[in-house]
Structures are given as C-alpha cells and as structure tokens.
Amino acid sequence: MNATTRLTLTASALELFAAGTGFALGGFSGLVAALIGASIASAAQIAAVVLLKPAMHAPAGTFQQRWVLGMAVRFMSFVALAVLMILMKETLSPLWLASGYLSTMLVLLFAETRFLK
C-alpha cells in the first residue's frame, strides 16, 4: 500500500472519529459540522503531501518551493474554514467545525513524516 493510500485511509478514519464525536456530543448538527471541518483538513493535508512527496529528494530549491505550496494549501484551507464559520454560524456550530478541523489537521501533521518516507 503506497503512502498516499495510507494517508487517505488515516484521514478517513479521523473524519469518522470527528463525526462520531460530534454526533455523540452535539447531535446531528455536531456530526455535520465536525465532518465538514475534518474533510477540509483532510483535503488540505492530502494535497500538501501529494505536492511535497515528489520533491523529497530534489534539490533544495525545488523542495522548498513544494513545501511552501503545501503550506499555502493548508493556509487556504484555514481561510476557507474561517469563511465557512462566519457565513454559516447560524446553521453550523463554529465549535464543531473547528474541532473537526483541528483534530484532523493536527494528527495528520504529526503523522506526515511517516507518509513522506
């Protein structure tokens, strides 16, 4: 199983965990908000790893360029989450959006080194 597949499976498991926790503690609206937040984080992290992986053994300039692109993708996912929190604050709980996003993004960031080997 390649690294991208393992990363995707890990992200999916984290999304399910966030959704389950959201449902258990916040009902159906908690489930939806946590799942949306976790999905945004998963998509950003998978995109960042896919961008960086081919440049792992490239010259420093190429590696740095890909790393910066990955950080830009993650930042844009944060901006998208913030916009969603502002626009949908009446229907989607900002707390569950943020908890789904952070719980998924932080775990995937710490696990990133395993997927980039």
C-alpha atoms as a PDB file:
ATOM      1  CA  MET A   1       0.000   0.000   0.000  1.00  0.00           C
ATOM      2  CA  ASN A   2       1.516   3.323  -1.034  1.00  0.00           C
ATOM      3  CA  ALA A   3       1.852   6.379   1.189  1.00  0.00           C
ATOM      4  CA  THR A   4      -0.975   8.350  -0.398  1.00  0.00           C
ATOM      5  CA  THR A   5      -3.410   5.489   0.126  1.00  0.00           C
ATOM      6  CA  ARG A   6      -2.344   5.114   3.755  1.00  0.00           C
ATOM      7  CA  LEU A   7      -2.691   8.867   4.283  1.00  0.00           C
ATOM      8  CA  THR A   8      -6.160   8.842   2.741  1.00  0.00           C
ATOM      9  CA  LEU A   9      -7.256   5.911   4.913  1.00  0.00           C
ATOM     10  CA  THR A  10      -5.884   7.594   8.027  1.00  0.00           C
ATOM     11  CA  ALA A  11      -7.649  10.840   7.122  1.00  0.00           C
ATOM     12  CA  SER A  12     -10.902   8.951   6.541  1.00  0.00           C
ATOM     13  CA  ALA A  13     -10.635   7.264   9.929  1.00  0.00           C
ATOM     14  CA  LEU A  14     -10.015  10.636  11.581  1.00  0.00           C
ATOM     15  CA  GLU A  15     -13.029  12.110   9.785  1.00  0.00           C
ATOM     16  CA  LEU A  16     -15.210   9.260  11.047  1.00  0.00           C
ATOM     17  CA  PHE A  17     -13.904   9.768  14.577  1.00  0.00           C
ATOM     18  CA  ALA A  18     -14.608  13.513  14.424  1.00  0.00           C
ATOM     19  CA  ALA A  19     -18.102  12.875  13.035  1.00  0.00           C
ATOM     20  CA  GLY A  20     -18.844  10.261  15.701  1.00  0.00           C
ATOM     21  CA  THR A  21     -17.663  12.542  18.469  1.00  0.00           C
ATOM     22  CA  GLY A  22     -19.687  15.402  17.007  1.00  0.00           C
ATOM     23  CA  PHE A  23     -22.784  13.210  16.919  1.00  0.00           C
ATOM     24  CA  ALA A  24     -22.271  11.867  20.442  1.00  0.00           C
ATOM     25  CA  LEU A  25     -21.768  15.288  21.982  1.00  0.00           C
ATOM     26  CA  GLY A  26     -23.602  17.644  19.645  1.00  0.00           C
ATOM     27  CA  GLY A  27     -26.255  15.621  17.861  1.00  0.00           C
ATOM     28  CA  PHE A  28     -26.771  15.582  14.111  1.00  0.00           C
ATOM     29  CA  SER A  29     -25.694  19.198  13.643  1.00  0.00           C
ATOM     30  CA  GLY A  30     -22.469  18.436  15.536  1.00  0.00           C
ATOM     31  CA  LEU A  31     -21.856  15.467  13.268  1.00  0.00           C
ATOM     32  CA  VAL A  32     -22.301  17.539  10.113  1.00  0.00           C
ATOM     33  CA  ALA A  33     -20.148  20.439  11.311  1.00  0.00           C
ATOM     34  CA  ALA A  34     -17.341  18.196  12.610  1.00  0.00           C
ATOM     35  CA  LEU A  35     -17.359  16.159   9.403  1.00  0.00           C
ATOM     36  CA  ILE A  36     -17.137  19.278   7.241  1.00  0.00           C
ATOM     37  CA  GLY A  37     -14.246  20.653   9.306  1.00  0.00           C
ATOM     38  CA  ALA A  38     -12.428  17.314   9.244  1.00  0.00           C
ATOM     39  CA  SER A  39     -12.971  16.947   5.494  1.00  0.00           C
ATOM     40  CA  ILE A  40     -11.484  20.374   4.803  1.00  0.00           C
ATOM     41  CA  ALA A  41      -8.427  19.465   6.871  1.00  0.00           C
ATOM     42  CA  SER A  42      -8.060  16.066   5.195  1.00  0.00           C
ATOM     43  CA  ALA A  43      -8.268  17.516   1.703  1.00  0.00           C
ATOM     44  CA  ALA A  44      -5.680  20.180   2.505  1.00  0.00           C
ATOM     45  CA  GLN A  45      -3.253  17.763   4.118  1.00  0.00           C
ATOM     46  CA  ILE A  46      -3.552  15.179   1.335  1.00  0.00           C
ATOM     47  CA  ALA A  47      -2.984  17.900  -1.278  1.00  0.00           C
ATOM     48  CA  ALA A  48       0.052  19.213   0.604  1.00  0.00           C
ATOM     49  CA  VAL A  49       1.623  15.757   0.893  1.00  0.00           C
ATOM     50  CA  VAL A  50       0.934  14.967  -2.767  1.00  0.00           C
ATOM     51  CA  LEU A  51       2.677  18.237  -3.711  1.00  0.00           C
ATOM     52  CA  LEU A  52       5.698  17.589  -1.496  1.00  0.00           C
ATOM     53  CA  LYS A  53       6.255  13.851  -1.986  1.00  0.00           C
ATOM     54  CA  PRO A  54       7.817  14.031  -5.496  1.00  0.00           C
ATOM     55  CA  ALA A  55      10.294  16.680  -4.308  1.00  0.00           C
ATOM     56  CA  MET A  56      11.566  14.824  -1.243  1.00  0.00           C
ATOM     57  CA  HIS A  57      14.909  14.033  -2.882  1.00  0.00           C
ATOM     58  CA  ALA A  58      15.004  17.005  -5.236  1.00  0.00           C
ATOM     59  CA  PRO A  59      17.406  19.928  -4.950  1.00  0.00           C
ATOM     60  CA  ALA A  60      16.773  22.309  -2.070  1.00  0.00           C
ATOM     61  CA  GLY A  61      15.127  24.977  -4.228  1.00  0.00           C
ATOM     62  CA  THR A  62      12.560  22.564  -5.638  1.00  0.00           C
ATOM     63  CA  PHE A  63      11.899  21.057  -2.226  1.00  0.00           C
ATOM     64  CA  GLN A  64      11.418  24.480  -0.661  1.00  0.00           C
ATOM     65  CA  GLN A  65       9.059  25.572  -3.432  1.00  0.00           C
ATOM     66  CA  ARG A  66       6.879  22.476  -2.952  1.00  0.00           C
ATOM     67  CA  TRP A  67       6.946  22.862   0.822  1.00  0.00           C
ATOM     68  CA  VAL A  68       5.785  26.478   0.548  1.00  0.00           C
ATOM     69  CA  LEU A  69       2.991  25.409  -1.825  1.00  0.00           C
ATOM     70  CA  GLY A  70       1.881  22.828   0.738  1.00  0.00           C
ATOM     71  CA  MET A  71       1.845  25.447   3.477  1.00  0.00           C
ATOM     72  CA  ALA A  72      -0.188  27.745   1.205  1.00  0.00           C
ATOM     73  CA  VAL A  73      -2.729  24.959   0.657  1.00  0.00           C
ATOM     74  CA  ARG A  74      -3.038  24.461   4.411  1.00  0.00           C
ATOM     75  CA  PHE A  75      -3.411  28.204   4.992  1.00  0.00           C
ATOM     76  CA  MET A  76      -6.108  28.462   2.334  1.00  0.00           C
ATOM     77  CA  SER A  77      -7.971  25.598   3.999  1.00  0.00           C
ATOM     78  CA  PHE A  78      -7.868  27.584   7.247  1.00  0.00           C
ATOM     79  CA  VAL A  79      -9.209  30.651   5.437  1.00  0.00           C
ATOM     80  CA  ALA A  80     -11.980  28.536   3.878  1.00  0.00           C
ATOM     81  CA  LEU A  81     -12.869  27.214   7.329  1.00  0.00           C
ATOM     82  CA  ALA A  82     -12.958  30.739   8.792  1.00  0.00           C
ATOM     83  CA  VAL A  83     -15.193  31.975   5.966  1.00  0.00           C
ATOM     84  CA  LEU A  84     -17.485  28.989   6.451  1.00  0.00           C
ATOM     85  CA  MET A  85     -17.648  29.661  10.194  1.00  0.00           C
ATOM     86  CA  ILE A  86     -18.619  33.283   9.603  1.00  0.00           C
ATOM     87  CA  LEU A  87     -21.156  32.644   6.847  1.00  0.00           C
ATOM     88  CA  MET A  88     -22.793  29.571   8.376  1.00  0.00           C
ATOM     89  CA  LYS A  89     -22.596  30.401  12.087  1.00  0.00           C
ATOM     90  CA  GLU A  90     -26.367  30.069  12.455  1.00  0.00           C
ATOM     91  CA  THR A  91     -26.580  26.590  10.910  1.00  0.00           C
ATOM     92  CA  LEU A  92     -23.159  25.024  11.558  1.00  0.00           C
ATOM     93  CA  SER A  93     -21.632  25.218  15.009  1.00  0.00           C
ATOM     94  CA  PRO A  94     -18.272  27.008  14.794  1.00  0.00           C
ATOM     95  CA  LEU A  95     -17.101  24.913  17.752  1.00  0.00           C
ATOM     96  CA  TRP A  96     -17.700  21.644  15.897  1.00  0.00           C
ATOM     97  CA  LEU A  97     -16.285  22.977  12.636  1.00  0.00           C
ATOM     98  CA  ALA A  98     -13.107  23.998  14.448  1.00  0.00           C
ATOM     99  CA  SER A  99     -12.834  20.805  16.490  1.00  0.00           C
ATOM    100  CA  GLY A 100     -13.236  18.606  13.410  1.00  0.00           C
ATOM    101  CA  TYR A 101     -10.667  20.653  11.511  1.00  0.00           C
ATOM    102  CA  LEU A 102      -8.092  20.861  14.300  1.00  0.00           C
ATOM    103  CA  SER A 103      -8.365  17.269  15.462  1.00  0.00           C
ATOM    104  CA  THR A 104      -7.808  16.005  11.934  1.00  0.00           C
ATOM    105  CA  MET A 105      -5.192  18.532  10.820  1.00  0.00           C
ATOM    106  CA  LEU A 106      -3.022  18.201  13.925  1.00  0.00           C
ATOM    107  CA  VAL A 107      -2.939  14.407  13.851  1.00  0.00           C
ATOM    108  CA  LEU A 108      -2.151  14.381  10.128  1.00  0.00           C
ATOM    109  CA  LEU A 109       0.573  16.998  10.567  1.00  0.00           C
ATOM    110  CA  PHE A 110       2.266  14.936  13.255  1.00  0.00           C
ATOM    111  CA  ALA A 111       1.908  11.768  11.170  1.00  0.00           C
ATOM    112  CA  GLU A 112       3.130  13.471   7.980  1.00  0.00           C
ATOM    113  CA  THR A 113       6.726  12.279   8.366  1.00  0.00           C
ATOM    114  CA  ARG A 114       5.576   8.664   8.116  1.00  0.00           C
ATOM    115  CA  PHE A 115       3.764   9.332   4.862  1.00  0.00           C
ATOM    116  CA  LEU A 116       6.685  11.170   3.278  1.00  0.00           C
ATOM    117  CA  LYS A 117       9.270   8.392   3.683  1.00  0.00           C
END
